[in-house]
Amino acid sequence: MVALPAEIDVTNCDQVHDQLVAAFEPGVGIVIADLTSTVFCDSSGVHAIMRAYERAAARDLQLWLAVSQDGSVRRVLQLTGVGRIMPVYPSLQEAMSAA
C-alpha cells in the first residue's frame, strides 16, 4: 500500500510516480495506491498514475486505487476512464479486503 499526498499536481507528480514504482518489488502482486486523503489530482497526476500502471503491467503486477466516493479525485478518474483500466475501490479497507 502506498499512501499518496493530499494534492497531486505538476509539482509532485514525478514523486508520486516514483513512490508507486518503488513498491513494485519482487514477490509483490498487487500495489494499492491510497488516494482516500487526496483532495486534488490534476491531469499530470492522472498521467503519473497511468505511467505507474503501465510499469506494473509490464512486470505482471496489478495497481489498484482506493479513492473516496465523494470529491473531485473520483470524478477526474471517472472522466479520464481510469476506472475502466484498473480497479478503483471506495475505501482502503475494501481494496485491502479484495486483495
PDB file of N, CA and C in Angstrom:
ATOM      1  N   MET A   1       0.845  -1.164   0.000  1.00  0.00           N
ATOM      2  CA  MET A   1       0.000   0.000   0.000  1.00  0.00           C
ATOM      3  C   MET A   1       0.894   1.232   0.000  1.00  0.00           C
ATOM      4  N   VAL A   2       0.541   2.164  -0.866  1.00  0.00           N
ATOM      5  CA  VAL A   2       1.278   3.422  -0.964  1.00  0.00           C
ATOM      6  C   VAL A   2       0.305   4.564  -0.694  1.00  0.00           C
ATOM      7  N   ALA A   3       0.555   5.314   0.373  1.00  0.00           N
ATOM      8  CA  ALA A   3      -0.282   6.473   0.701  1.00  0.00           C
ATOM      9  C   ALA A   3       0.180   7.658  -0.135  1.00  0.00           C
ATOM     10  N   LEU A   4      -0.739   8.234  -0.882  1.00  0.00           N
ATOM     11  CA  LEU A   4      -0.405   9.360  -1.743  1.00  0.00           C
ATOM     12  C   LEU A   4      -0.794  10.680  -1.086  1.00  0.00           C
ATOM     13  N   PRO A   5      -0.174  11.785  -1.510  1.00  0.00           N
ATOM     14  CA  PRO A   5      -0.381  13.078  -0.842  1.00  0.00           C
ATOM     15  C   PRO A   5      -1.780  13.662  -1.041  1.00  0.00           C
ATOM     16  N   ALA A   6      -2.072  14.696  -0.258  1.00  0.00           N
ATOM     17  CA  ALA A   6      -3.376  15.354  -0.314  1.00  0.00           C
ATOM     18  C   ALA A   6      -3.622  16.018  -1.657  1.00  0.00           C
ATOM     19  N   GLU A   7      -2.565  16.505  -2.286  1.00  0.00           N
ATOM     20  CA  GLU A   7      -2.681  17.123  -3.610  1.00  0.00           C
ATOM     21  C   GLU A   7      -1.631  16.523  -4.530  1.00  0.00           C
ATOM     22  N   ILE A   8      -2.069  16.183  -5.731  1.00  0.00           N
ATOM     23  CA  ILE A   8      -1.150  15.672  -6.743  1.00  0.00           C
ATOM     24  C   ILE A   8      -1.270  16.573  -7.955  1.00  0.00           C
ATOM     25  N   ASP A   9      -0.163  17.210  -8.292  1.00  0.00           N
ATOM     26  CA  ASP A   9      -0.155  18.118  -9.449  1.00  0.00           C
ATOM     27  C   ASP A   9       1.222  18.095 -10.088  1.00  0.00           C
ATOM     28  N   VAL A  10       1.469  19.049 -10.958  1.00  0.00           N
ATOM     29  CA  VAL A  10       2.719  19.078 -11.710  1.00  0.00           C
ATOM     30  C   VAL A  10       3.941  19.202 -10.792  1.00  0.00           C
ATOM     31  N   THR A  11       3.755  19.733  -9.597  1.00  0.00           N
ATOM     32  CA  THR A  11       4.897  19.930  -8.698  1.00  0.00           C
ATOM     33  C   THR A  11       5.364  18.649  -8.019  1.00  0.00           C
ATOM     34  N   ASN A  12       4.493  17.635  -7.924  1.00  0.00           N
ATOM     35  CA  ASN A  12       4.891  16.410  -7.238  1.00  0.00           C
ATOM     36  C   ASN A  12       4.520  15.127  -7.978  1.00  0.00           C
ATOM     37  N   CYS A  13       4.049  15.231  -9.209  1.00  0.00           N
ATOM     38  CA  CYS A  13       3.602  14.034  -9.926  1.00  0.00           C
ATOM     39  C   CYS A  13       4.741  13.042 -10.169  1.00  0.00           C
ATOM     40  N   ASP A  14       5.957  13.520 -10.389  1.00  0.00           N
ATOM     41  CA  ASP A  14       7.078  12.601 -10.586  1.00  0.00           C
ATOM     42  C   ASP A  14       7.379  11.840  -9.304  1.00  0.00           C
ATOM     43  N   GLN A  15       7.249  12.503  -8.170  1.00  0.00           N
ATOM     44  CA  GLN A  15       7.461  11.833  -6.882  1.00  0.00           C
ATOM     45  C   GLN A  15       6.389  10.774  -6.645  1.00  0.00           C
ATOM     46  N   VAL A  16       5.154  11.078  -7.020  1.00  0.00           N
ATOM     47  CA  VAL A  16       4.063  10.114  -6.885  1.00  0.00           C
ATOM     48  C   VAL A  16       4.363   8.885  -7.733  1.00  0.00           C
ATOM     49  N   HIS A  17       4.756   9.108  -8.974  1.00  0.00           N
ATOM     50  CA  HIS A  17       5.113   8.000  -9.859  1.00  0.00           C
ATOM     51  C   HIS A  17       6.224   7.161  -9.238  1.00  0.00           C
ATOM     52  N   ASP A  18       7.267   7.817  -8.756  1.00  0.00           N
ATOM     53  CA  ASP A  18       8.406   7.107  -8.169  1.00  0.00           C
ATOM     54  C   ASP A  18       8.000   6.327  -6.921  1.00  0.00           C
ATOM     55  N   GLN A  19       7.109   6.895  -6.101  1.00  0.00           N
ATOM     56  CA  GLN A  19       6.614   6.190  -4.912  1.00  0.00           C
ATOM     57  C   GLN A  19       5.917   4.897  -5.301  1.00  0.00           C
ATOM     58  N   LEU A  20       5.070   4.985  -6.318  1.00  0.00           N
ATOM     59  CA  LEU A  20       4.332   3.809  -6.759  1.00  0.00           C
ATOM     60  C   LEU A  20       5.272   2.755  -7.327  1.00  0.00           C
ATOM     61  N   VAL A  21       6.170   3.168  -8.196  1.00  0.00           N
ATOM     62  CA  VAL A  21       7.089   2.222  -8.837  1.00  0.00           C
ATOM     63  C   VAL A  21       8.014   1.578  -7.805  1.00  0.00           C
ATOM     64  N   ALA A  22       8.392   2.314  -6.774  1.00  0.00           N
ATOM     65  CA  ALA A  22       9.258   1.757  -5.726  1.00  0.00           C
ATOM     66  C   ALA A  22       8.590   0.584  -5.008  1.00  0.00           C
ATOM     67  N   ALA A  23       7.276   0.532  -5.022  1.00  0.00           N
ATOM     68  CA  ALA A  23       6.553  -0.563  -4.370  1.00  0.00           C
ATOM     69  C   ALA A  23       6.514  -1.830  -5.220  1.00  0.00           C
ATOM     70  N   PHE A  24       6.931  -1.751  -6.471  1.00  0.00           N
ATOM     71  CA  PHE A  24       6.884  -2.901  -7.374  1.00  0.00           C
ATOM     72  C   PHE A  24       8.108  -3.787  -7.155  1.00  0.00           C
ATOM     73  N   GLU A  25       8.149  -4.426  -6.013  1.00  0.00           N
ATOM     74  CA  GLU A  25       9.280  -5.262  -5.647  1.00  0.00           C
ATOM     75  C   GLU A  25       8.978  -6.724  -5.938  1.00  0.00           C
ATOM     76  N   PRO A  26      10.020  -7.541  -6.056  1.00  0.00           N
ATOM     77  CA  PRO A  26       9.795  -8.975  -6.265  1.00  0.00           C
ATOM     78  C   PRO A  26       8.914  -9.555  -5.162  1.00  0.00           C
ATOM     79  N   GLY A  27       7.986 -10.398  -5.561  1.00  0.00           N
ATOM     80  CA  GLY A  27       7.078 -11.022  -4.619  1.00  0.00           C
ATOM     81  C   GLY A  27       5.795 -10.249  -4.387  1.00  0.00           C
ATOM     82  N   VAL A  28       5.739  -9.013  -4.867  1.00  0.00           N
ATOM     83  CA  VAL A  28       4.533  -8.195  -4.738  1.00  0.00           C
ATOM     84  C   VAL A  28       3.649  -8.445  -5.953  1.00  0.00           C
ATOM     85  N   GLY A  29       2.393  -8.746  -5.717  1.00  0.00           N
ATOM     86  CA  GLY A  29       1.473  -8.994  -6.827  1.00  0.00           C
ATOM     87  C   GLY A  29       0.514  -7.843  -7.071  1.00  0.00           C
ATOM     88  N   ILE A  30       0.156  -7.159  -5.979  1.00  0.00           N
ATOM     89  CA  ILE A  30      -0.797  -6.053  -6.058  1.00  0.00           C
ATOM     90  C   ILE A  30      -0.265  -4.891  -5.234  1.00  0.00           C
ATOM     91  N   VAL A  31      -0.309  -3.704  -5.830  1.00  0.00           N
ATOM     92  CA  VAL A  31       0.013  -2.478  -5.114  1.00  0.00           C
ATOM     93  C   VAL A  31      -1.266  -1.652  -5.060  1.00  0.00           C
ATOM     94  N   ILE A  32      -1.616  -1.198  -3.868  1.00  0.00           N
ATOM     95  CA  ILE A  32      -2.803  -0.354  -3.698  1.00  0.00           C
ATOM     96  C   ILE A  32      -2.338   1.078  -3.469  1.00  0.00           C
ATOM     97  N   ALA A  33      -2.758   1.968  -4.349  1.00  0.00           N
ATOM     98  CA  ALA A  33      -2.474   3.391  -4.185  1.00  0.00           C
ATOM     99  C   ALA A  33      -3.610   3.996  -3.373  1.00  0.00           C
ATOM    100  N   ASP A  34      -3.277   4.488  -2.190  1.00  0.00           N
ATOM    101  CA  ASP A  34      -4.279   5.049  -1.294  1.00  0.00           C
ATOM    102  C   ASP A  34      -4.448   6.539  -1.572  1.00  0.00           C
ATOM    103  N   LEU A  35      -5.524   6.872  -2.270  1.00  0.00           N
ATOM    104  CA  LEU A  35      -5.869   8.257  -2.556  1.00  0.00           C
ATOM    105  C   LEU A  35      -7.053   8.719  -1.716  1.00  0.00           C
ATOM    106  N   THR A  36      -7.350   8.027  -0.639  1.00  0.00           N
ATOM    107  CA  THR A  36      -8.521   8.394   0.160  1.00  0.00           C
ATOM    108  C   THR A  36      -8.356   9.735   0.865  1.00  0.00           C
ATOM    109  N   SER A  37      -7.124  10.184   1.047  1.00  0.00           N
ATOM    110  CA  SER A  37      -6.879  11.506   1.639  1.00  0.00           C
ATOM    111  C   SER A  37      -6.503  12.536   0.595  1.00  0.00           C
ATOM    112  N   THR A  38      -6.503  12.140  -0.664  1.00  0.00           N
ATOM    113  CA  THR A  38      -6.160  13.055  -1.752  1.00  0.00           C
ATOM    114  C   THR A  38      -7.399  13.855  -2.127  1.00  0.00           C
ATOM    115  N   VAL A  39      -7.291  15.177  -2.081  1.00  0.00           N
ATOM    116  CA  VAL A  39      -8.432  16.045  -2.379  1.00  0.00           C
ATOM    117  C   VAL A  39      -8.310  16.716  -3.740  1.00  0.00           C
ATOM    118  N   PHE A  40      -7.110  16.631  -4.352  1.00  0.00           N
ATOM    119  CA  PHE A  40      -6.916  17.262  -5.655  1.00  0.00           C
ATOM    120  C   PHE A  40      -5.933  16.432  -6.466  1.00  0.00           C
ATOM    121  N   CYS A  41      -6.284  16.198  -7.721  1.00  0.00           N
ATOM    122  CA  CYS A  41      -5.401  15.486  -8.644  1.00  0.00           C
ATOM    123  C   CYS A  41      -5.642  16.050 -10.032  1.00  0.00           C
ATOM    124  N   ASP A  42      -4.609  16.695 -10.592  1.00  0.00           N
ATOM    125  CA  ASP A  42      -4.773  17.255 -11.928  1.00  0.00           C
ATOM    126  C   ASP A  42      -4.340  16.230 -12.982  1.00  0.00           C
ATOM    127  N   SER A  43      -4.331  16.649 -14.236  1.00  0.00           N
ATOM    128  CA  SER A  43      -4.022  15.726 -15.327  1.00  0.00           C
ATOM    129  C   SER A  43      -2.604  15.168 -15.233  1.00  0.00           C
ATOM    130  N   SER A  44      -1.663  15.928 -14.695  1.00  0.00           N
ATOM    131  CA  SER A  44      -0.311  15.399 -14.552  1.00  0.00           C
ATOM    132  C   SER A  44      -0.290  14.281 -13.504  1.00  0.00           C
ATOM    133  N   GLY A  45      -1.128  14.386 -12.496  1.00  0.00           N
ATOM    134  CA  GLY A  45      -1.243  13.322 -11.505  1.00  0.00           C
ATOM    135  C   GLY A  45      -1.852  12.068 -12.093  1.00  0.00           C
ATOM    136  N   VAL A  46      -2.895  12.237 -12.880  1.00  0.00           N
ATOM    137  CA  VAL A  46      -3.514  11.092 -13.557  1.00  0.00           C
ATOM    138  C   VAL A  46      -2.485  10.436 -14.477  1.00  0.00           C
ATOM    139  N   HIS A  47      -1.734  11.247 -15.188  1.00  0.00           N
ATOM    140  CA  HIS A  47      -0.709  10.715 -16.087  1.00  0.00           C
ATOM    141  C   HIS A  47       0.344   9.932 -15.303  1.00  0.00           C
ATOM    142  N   ALA A  48       0.754  10.421 -14.148  1.00  0.00           N
ATOM    143  CA  ALA A  48       1.739   9.724 -13.316  1.00  0.00           C
ATOM    144  C   ALA A  48       1.208   8.366 -12.867  1.00  0.00           C
ATOM    145  N   ILE A  49      -0.058   8.322 -12.478  1.00  0.00           N
ATOM    146  CA  ILE A  49      -0.677   7.067 -12.056  1.00  0.00           C
ATOM    147  C   ILE A  49      -0.758   6.103 -13.236  1.00  0.00           C
ATOM    148  N   MET A  50      -1.114   6.599 -14.400  1.00  0.00           N
ATOM    149  CA  MET A  50      -1.196   5.748 -15.585  1.00  0.00           C
ATOM    150  C   MET A  50       0.186   5.218 -15.999  1.00  0.00           C
ATOM    151  N   ARG A  51       1.211   6.046 -15.904  1.00  0.00           N
ATOM    152  CA  ARG A  51       2.571   5.567 -16.215  1.00  0.00           C
ATOM    153  C   ARG A  51       2.976   4.470 -15.237  1.00  0.00           C
ATOM    154  N   ALA A  52       2.630   4.634 -13.969  1.00  0.00           N
ATOM    155  CA  ALA A  52       2.932   3.609 -12.971  1.00  0.00           C
ATOM    156  C   ALA A  52       2.152   2.326 -13.274  1.00  0.00           C
ATOM    157  N   TYR A  53       0.903   2.472 -13.689  1.00  0.00           N
ATOM    158  CA  TYR A  53       0.092   1.312 -14.061  1.00  0.00           C
ATOM    159  C   TYR A  53       0.749   0.545 -15.212  1.00  0.00           C
ATOM    160  N   GLU A  54       1.239   1.267 -16.196  1.00  0.00           N
ATOM    161  CA  GLU A  54       1.898   0.616 -17.332  1.00  0.00           C
ATOM    162  C   GLU A  54       3.160  -0.114 -16.889  1.00  0.00           C
ATOM    163  N   ARG A  55       3.920   0.488 -15.977  1.00  0.00           N
ATOM    164  CA  ARG A  55       5.123  -0.177 -15.447  1.00  0.00           C
ATOM    165  C   ARG A  55       4.737  -1.434 -14.677  1.00  0.00           C
ATOM    166  N   ALA A  56       3.659  -1.346 -13.904  1.00  0.00           N
ATOM    167  CA  ALA A  56       3.194  -2.516 -13.147  1.00  0.00           C
ATOM    168  C   ALA A  56       2.784  -3.631 -14.107  1.00  0.00           C
ATOM    169  N   ALA A  57       2.008  -3.292 -15.117  1.00  0.00           N
ATOM    170  CA  ALA A  57       1.545  -4.291 -16.080  1.00  0.00           C
ATOM    171  C   ALA A  57       2.720  -4.958 -16.794  1.00  0.00           C
ATOM    172  N   ALA A  58       3.753  -4.190 -17.088  1.00  0.00           N
ATOM    173  CA  ALA A  58       4.937  -4.744 -17.754  1.00  0.00           C
ATOM    174  C   ALA A  58       5.647  -5.761 -16.869  1.00  0.00           C
ATOM    175  N   ARG A  59       5.443  -5.664 -15.570  1.00  0.00           N
ATOM    176  CA  ARG A  59       6.055  -6.592 -14.608  1.00  0.00           C
ATOM    177  C   ARG A  59       5.060  -7.638 -14.109  1.00  0.00           C
ATOM    178  N   ASP A  60       3.909  -7.730 -14.759  1.00  0.00           N
ATOM    179  CA  ASP A  60       2.842  -8.644 -14.356  1.00  0.00           C
ATOM    180  C   ASP A  60       2.349  -8.381 -12.934  1.00  0.00           C
ATOM    181  N   LEU A  61       2.303  -7.108 -12.560  1.00  0.00           N
ATOM    182  CA  LEU A  61       1.763  -6.688 -11.271  1.00  0.00           C
ATOM    183  C   LEU A  61       0.462  -5.943 -11.506  1.00  0.00           C
ATOM    184  N   GLN A  62      -0.308  -5.796 -10.461  1.00  0.00           N
ATOM    185  CA  GLN A  62      -1.551  -5.046 -10.541  1.00  0.00           C
ATOM    186  C   GLN A  62      -1.446  -3.786  -9.697  1.00  0.00           C
ATOM    187  N   LEU A  63      -2.009  -2.708 -10.204  1.00  0.00           N
ATOM    188  CA  LEU A  63      -2.111  -1.457  -9.461  1.00  0.00           C
ATOM    189  C   LEU A  63      -3.589  -1.161  -9.262  1.00  0.00           C
ATOM    190  N   TRP A  64      -3.993  -1.099  -8.002  1.00  0.00           N
ATOM    191  CA  TRP A  64      -5.365  -0.798  -7.645  1.00  0.00           C
ATOM    192  C   TRP A  64      -5.399   0.556  -6.958  1.00  0.00           C
ATOM    193  N   LEU A  65      -6.531   1.233  -7.045  1.00  0.00           N
ATOM    194  CA  LEU A  65      -6.687   2.538  -6.417  1.00  0.00           C
ATOM    195  C   LEU A  65      -7.773   2.494  -5.351  1.00  0.00           C
ATOM    196  N   ALA A  66      -7.510   3.158  -4.236  1.00  0.00           N
ATOM    197  CA  ALA A  66      -8.529   3.385  -3.209  1.00  0.00           C
ATOM    198  C   ALA A  66      -8.805   4.882  -3.222  1.00  0.00           C
ATOM    199  N   VAL A  67     -10.033   5.250  -3.631  1.00  0.00           N
ATOM    200  CA  VAL A  67     -10.396   6.655  -3.815  1.00  0.00           C
ATOM    201  C   VAL A  67     -11.773   6.880  -3.207  1.00  0.00           C
ATOM    202  N   SER A  68     -11.872   7.867  -2.330  1.00  0.00           N
ATOM    203  CA  SER A  68     -13.164   8.186  -1.720  1.00  0.00           C
ATOM    204  C   SER A  68     -14.211   8.446  -2.799  1.00  0.00           C
ATOM    205  N   GLN A  69     -15.434   8.033  -2.518  1.00  0.00           N
ATOM    206  CA  GLN A  69     -16.505   8.211  -3.493  1.00  0.00           C
ATOM    207  C   GLN A  69     -16.874   9.671  -3.677  1.00  0.00           C
ATOM    208  N   ASP A  70     -16.704  10.448  -2.640  1.00  0.00           N
ATOM    209  CA  ASP A  70     -17.023  11.871  -2.729  1.00  0.00           C
ATOM    210  C   ASP A  70     -15.766  12.628  -3.142  1.00  0.00           C
ATOM    211  N   GLY A  71     -15.956  13.699  -3.859  1.00  0.00           N
ATOM    212  CA  GLY A  71     -14.833  14.567  -4.168  1.00  0.00           C
ATOM    213  C   GLY A  71     -14.417  14.556  -5.624  1.00  0.00           C
ATOM    214  N   SER A  72     -13.539  15.470  -5.916  1.00  0.00           N
ATOM    215  CA  SER A  72     -13.130  15.696  -7.302  1.00  0.00           C
ATOM    216  C   SER A  72     -12.193  14.627  -7.836  1.00  0.00           C
ATOM    217  N   VAL A  73     -11.433  13.968  -6.964  1.00  0.00           N
ATOM    218  CA  VAL A  73     -10.475  12.967  -7.451  1.00  0.00           C
ATOM    219  C   VAL A  73     -11.214  11.814  -8.116  1.00  0.00           C
ATOM    220  N   ARG A  74     -12.247  11.322  -7.485  1.00  0.00           N
ATOM    221  CA  ARG A  74     -13.054  10.235  -8.075  1.00  0.00           C
ATOM    222  C   ARG A  74     -13.618  10.680  -9.420  1.00  0.00           C
ATOM    223  N   ARG A  75     -14.113  11.912  -9.471  1.00  0.00           N
ATOM    224  CA  ARG A  75     -14.706  12.443 -10.713  1.00  0.00           C
ATOM    225  C   ARG A  75     -13.666  12.538 -11.823  1.00  0.00           C
ATOM    226  N   VAL A  76     -12.478  13.027 -11.508  1.00  0.00           N
ATOM    227  CA  VAL A  76     -11.410  13.126 -12.513  1.00  0.00           C
ATOM    228  C   VAL A  76     -11.072  11.738 -13.053  1.00  0.00           C
ATOM    229  N   LEU A  77     -10.977  10.758 -12.173  1.00  0.00           N
ATOM    230  CA  LEU A  77     -10.649   9.403 -12.611  1.00  0.00           C
ATOM    231  C   LEU A  77     -11.762   8.809 -13.467  1.00  0.00           C
ATOM    232  N   GLN A  78     -13.000   9.131 -13.161  1.00  0.00           N
ATOM    233  CA  GLN A  78     -14.126   8.667 -13.979  1.00  0.00           C
ATOM    234  C   GLN A  78     -14.085   9.310 -15.362  1.00  0.00           C
ATOM    235  N   LEU A  79     -13.870  10.624 -15.389  1.00  0.00           N
ATOM    236  CA  LEU A  79     -13.870  11.346 -16.663  1.00  0.00           C
ATOM    237  C   LEU A  79     -12.733  10.912 -17.586  1.00  0.00           C
ATOM    238  N   THR A  80     -11.603  10.547 -16.997  1.00  0.00           N
ATOM    239  CA  THR A  80     -10.453  10.137 -17.804  1.00  0.00           C
ATOM    240  C   THR A  80     -10.484   8.652 -18.154  1.00  0.00           C
ATOM    241  N   GLY A  81     -11.418   7.902 -17.596  1.00  0.00           N
ATOM    242  CA  GLY A  81     -11.549   6.488 -17.920  1.00  0.00           C
ATOM    243  C   GLY A  81     -10.620   5.569 -17.144  1.00  0.00           C
ATOM    244  N   VAL A  82      -9.956   6.086 -16.133  1.00  0.00           N
ATOM    245  CA  VAL A  82      -9.022   5.278 -15.355  1.00  0.00           C
ATOM    246  C   VAL A  82      -9.732   4.075 -14.729  1.00  0.00           C
ATOM    247  N   GLY A  83     -10.955   4.262 -14.272  1.00  0.00           N
ATOM    248  CA  GLY A  83     -11.705   3.177 -13.642  1.00  0.00           C
ATOM    249  C   GLY A  83     -12.027   2.025 -14.562  1.00  0.00           C
ATOM    250  N   ARG A  84     -11.957   2.235 -15.856  1.00  0.00           N
ATOM    251  CA  ARG A  84     -12.167   1.143 -16.811  1.00  0.00           C
ATOM    252  C   ARG A  84     -10.886   0.352 -17.029  1.00  0.00           C
ATOM    253  N   ILE A  85      -9.765   0.916 -16.609  1.00  0.00           N
ATOM    254  CA  ILE A  85      -8.472   0.279 -16.843  1.00  0.00           C
ATOM    255  C   ILE A  85      -7.989  -0.481 -15.616  1.00  0.00           C
ATOM    256  N   MET A  86      -8.188   0.107 -14.447  1.00  0.00           N
ATOM    257  CA  MET A  86      -7.733  -0.541 -13.218  1.00  0.00           C
ATOM    258  C   MET A  86      -8.822  -0.460 -12.158  1.00  0.00           C
ATOM    259  N   PRO A  87      -8.798  -1.372 -11.210  1.00  0.00           N
ATOM    260  CA  PRO A  87      -9.814  -1.358 -10.162  1.00  0.00           C
ATOM    261  C   PRO A  87      -9.718  -0.099  -9.290  1.00  0.00           C
ATOM    262  N   VAL A  88     -10.880   0.491  -9.006  1.00  0.00           N
ATOM    263  CA  VAL A  88     -10.966   1.657  -8.121  1.00  0.00           C
ATOM    264  C   VAL A  88     -11.961   1.305  -7.014  1.00  0.00           C
ATOM    265  N   TYR A  89     -11.462   1.303  -5.786  1.00  0.00           N
ATOM    266  CA  TYR A  89     -12.283   0.952  -4.629  1.00  0.00           C
ATOM    267  C   TYR A  89     -12.626   2.210  -3.838  1.00  0.00           C
ATOM    268  N   PRO A  90     -13.792   2.228  -3.175  1.00  0.00           N
ATOM    269  CA  PRO A  90     -14.223   3.428  -2.442  1.00  0.00           C
ATOM    270  C   PRO A  90     -13.513   3.639  -1.107  1.00  0.00           C
ATOM    271  N   SER A  91     -12.746   2.652  -0.650  1.00  0.00           N
ATOM    272  CA  SER A  91     -12.011   2.806   0.599  1.00  0.00           C
ATOM    273  C   SER A  91     -10.784   1.911   0.578  1.00  0.00           C
ATOM    274  N   LEU A  92      -9.841   2.240   1.411  1.00  0.00           N
ATOM    275  CA  LEU A  92      -8.636   1.417   1.534  1.00  0.00           C
ATOM    276  C   LEU A  92      -9.008   0.033   2.079  1.00  0.00           C
ATOM    277  N   GLN A  93      -9.922   0.021   3.031  1.00  0.00           N
ATOM    278  CA  GLN A  93     -10.363  -1.250   3.632  1.00  0.00           C
ATOM    279  C   GLN A  93     -10.929  -2.196   2.571  1.00  0.00           C
ATOM    280  N   GLU A  94     -11.770  -1.663   1.671  1.00  0.00           N
ATOM    281  CA  GLU A  94     -12.365  -2.514   0.635  1.00  0.00           C
ATOM    282  C   GLU A  94     -11.302  -3.006  -0.343  1.00  0.00           C
ATOM    283  N   ALA A  95     -10.349  -2.149  -0.681  1.00  0.00           N
ATOM    284  CA  ALA A  95      -9.272  -2.567  -1.584  1.00  0.00           C
ATOM    285  C   ALA A  95      -8.428  -3.655  -0.944  1.00  0.00           C
ATOM    286  N   MET A  96      -8.109  -3.493   0.331  1.00  0.00           N
ATOM    287  CA  MET A  96      -7.286  -4.486   1.016  1.00  0.00           C
ATOM    288  C   MET A  96      -8.032  -5.802   1.200  1.00  0.00           C
ATOM    289  N   SER A  97      -9.329  -5.720   1.430  1.00  0.00           N
ATOM    290  CA  SER A  97     -10.134  -6.935   1.556  1.00  0.00           C
ATOM    291  C   SER A  97     -10.192  -7.692   0.235  1.00  0.00           C
ATOM    292  N   ALA A  98     -10.269  -6.965  -0.871  1.00  0.00           N
ATOM    293  CA  ALA A  98     -10.321  -7.587  -2.183  1.00  0.00           C
ATOM    294  C   ALA A  98      -8.992  -8.240  -2.555  1.00  0.00           C
ATOM    295  N   ALA A  99      -7.909  -7.676  -2.020  1.00  0.00           N
ATOM    296  CA  ALA A  99      -6.585  -8.226  -2.319  1.00  0.00           C
ATOM    297  C   ALA A  99      -6.400  -9.537  -1.593  1.00  0.00           C
TER     298      ALA A  99
END
